[in-house]
Amino acid sequence: MTYMQTIMEHEDIGFDKGYAYGHAEGVEQGYEQKTKDFVLIMWKNNEPIEKIARYSKLTMEQVIGMLQMV
């Protein structure tokens, strides 16, 4: 194997790792945004915080924290 082939293989490995990391980050951010949207919709519909926490599977503190950011 030549030096150039080795470099190209390492570039491919690096790209694949970076892509997988970026994809995982994007999925996580999307889930967080969807949860925030869900909490806000329920809050705007005058649902109690206990119900929002139960349905969103968050703690009451997390729900309150999200609502304070709005």
C-alpha atoms as a PDB file:
ATOM      1  CA  MET A   1       0.000   0.000   0.000  1.00  0.00           C
ATOM      2  CA  THR A   2       1.346   3.363  -0.938  1.00  0.00           C
ATOM      3  CA  TYR A   3       1.563   6.355   1.340  1.00  0.00           C
ATOM      4  CA  MET A   4      -1.153   8.135  -0.666  1.00  0.00           C
ATOM      5  CA  GLN A   5      -3.541   5.182  -0.322  1.00  0.00           C
ATOM      6  CA  THR A   6      -2.970   5.167   3.435  1.00  0.00           C
ATOM      7  CA  ILE A   7      -3.723   8.897   3.638  1.00  0.00           C
ATOM      8  CA  MET A   8      -6.908   8.465   1.563  1.00  0.00           C
ATOM      9  CA  GLU A   9      -8.108   5.585   3.756  1.00  0.00           C
ATOM     10  CA  HIS A  10      -7.549   7.638   6.899  1.00  0.00           C
ATOM     11  CA  GLU A  11      -9.438  10.543   5.352  1.00  0.00           C
ATOM     12  CA  ASP A  12     -12.367   8.216   4.610  1.00  0.00           C
ATOM     13  CA  ILE A  13     -12.333   6.883   8.172  1.00  0.00           C
ATOM     14  CA  GLY A  14     -12.228  10.420   9.557  1.00  0.00           C
ATOM     15  CA  PHE A  15     -15.085  11.516   7.319  1.00  0.00           C
ATOM     16  CA  ASP A  16     -17.226   8.528   8.346  1.00  0.00           C
ATOM     17  CA  LYS A  17     -16.626   9.201  12.044  1.00  0.00           C
ATOM     18  CA  GLY A  18     -17.405  12.896  11.611  1.00  0.00           C
ATOM     19  CA  TYR A  19     -20.571  12.152   9.680  1.00  0.00           C
ATOM     20  CA  ALA A  20     -21.803   9.681  12.302  1.00  0.00           C
ATOM     21  CA  TYR A  21     -21.079  12.154  15.101  1.00  0.00           C
ATOM     22  CA  GLY A  22     -22.830  14.979  13.264  1.00  0.00           C
ATOM     23  CA  HIS A  23     -25.850  12.806  12.532  1.00  0.00           C
ATOM     24  CA  ALA A  24     -26.160  11.763  16.166  1.00  0.00           C
ATOM     25  CA  GLU A  25     -25.930  15.408  17.282  1.00  0.00           C
ATOM     26  CA  GLY A  26     -28.615  16.398  14.779  1.00  0.00           C
ATOM     27  CA  VAL A  27     -30.966  13.668  15.926  1.00  0.00           C
ATOM     28  CA  GLU A  28     -30.488  14.684  19.554  1.00  0.00           C
ATOM     29  CA  GLN A  29     -31.128  18.358  18.796  1.00  0.00           C
ATOM     30  CA  GLY A  30     -34.226  17.458  16.806  1.00  0.00           C
ATOM     31  CA  TYR A  31     -35.596  15.403  19.688  1.00  0.00           C
ATOM     32  CA  GLU A  32     -34.963  18.245  22.134  1.00  0.00           C
ATOM     33  CA  GLN A  33     -36.694  20.760  19.867  1.00  0.00           C
ATOM     34  CA  LYS A  34     -39.696  18.485  19.375  1.00  0.00           C
ATOM     35  CA  THR A  35     -39.992  18.044  23.152  1.00  0.00           C
ATOM     36  CA  LYS A  36     -39.817  21.822  23.680  1.00  0.00           C
ATOM     37  CA  ASP A  37     -42.492  22.366  21.046  1.00  0.00           C
ATOM     38  CA  PHE A  38     -44.697  19.741  22.696  1.00  0.00           C
ATOM     39  CA  VAL A  39     -44.316  21.358  26.123  1.00  0.00           C
ATOM     40  CA  LEU A  40     -45.144  24.799  24.735  1.00  0.00           C
ATOM     41  CA  ILE A  41     -48.237  23.571  22.895  1.00  0.00           C
ATOM     42  CA  MET A  42     -49.566  21.897  26.026  1.00  0.00           C
ATOM     43  CA  TRP A  43     -48.787  25.002  28.117  1.00  0.00           C
ATOM     44  CA  LYS A  44     -50.558  27.282  25.646  1.00  0.00           C
ATOM     45  CA  ASN A  45     -53.584  24.970  25.896  1.00  0.00           C
ATOM     46  CA  ASN A  46     -53.638  25.552  29.665  1.00  0.00           C
ATOM     47  CA  GLU A  47     -52.589  22.050  30.635  1.00  0.00           C
ATOM     48  CA  PRO A  48     -51.236  21.678  34.174  1.00  0.00           C
ATOM     49  CA  ILE A  49     -47.475  21.286  34.601  1.00  0.00           C
ATOM     50  CA  GLU A  50     -47.944  17.852  36.198  1.00  0.00           C
ATOM     51  CA  LYS A  51     -49.723  16.604  33.070  1.00  0.00           C
ATOM     52  CA  ILE A  52     -47.108  18.144  30.772  1.00  0.00           C
ATOM     53  CA  ALA A  53     -44.340  16.445  32.760  1.00  0.00           C
ATOM     54  CA  ARG A  54     -46.127  13.089  32.684  1.00  0.00           C
ATOM     55  CA  TYR A  55     -46.844  13.175  28.939  1.00  0.00           C
ATOM     56  CA  SER A  56     -43.437  14.539  27.939  1.00  0.00           C
ATOM     57  CA  LYS A  57     -41.591  12.170  30.290  1.00  0.00           C
ATOM     58  CA  LEU A  58     -39.725  15.122  31.799  1.00  0.00           C
ATOM     59  CA  THR A  59     -39.436  16.105  35.437  1.00  0.00           C
ATOM     60  CA  MET A  60     -41.494  19.020  36.668  1.00  0.00           C
ATOM     61  CA  GLU A  61     -38.254  20.966  37.121  1.00  0.00           C
ATOM     62  CA  GLN A  62     -37.311  20.386  33.479  1.00  0.00           C
ATOM     63  CA  VAL A  63     -40.741  21.543  32.303  1.00  0.00           C
ATOM     64  CA  ILE A  64     -40.582  24.652  34.476  1.00  0.00           C
ATOM     65  CA  GLY A  65     -37.081  25.361  33.178  1.00  0.00           C
ATOM     66  CA  MET A  66     -38.270  25.143  29.575  1.00  0.00           C
ATOM     67  CA  LEU A  67     -41.211  27.427  30.261  1.00  0.00           C
ATOM     68  CA  GLN A  68     -38.977  29.989  31.943  1.00  0.00           C
ATOM     69  CA  MET A  69     -36.860  30.233  28.778  1.00  0.00           C
ATOM     70  CA  VAL A  70     -39.857  31.363  26.764  1.00  0.00           C
END
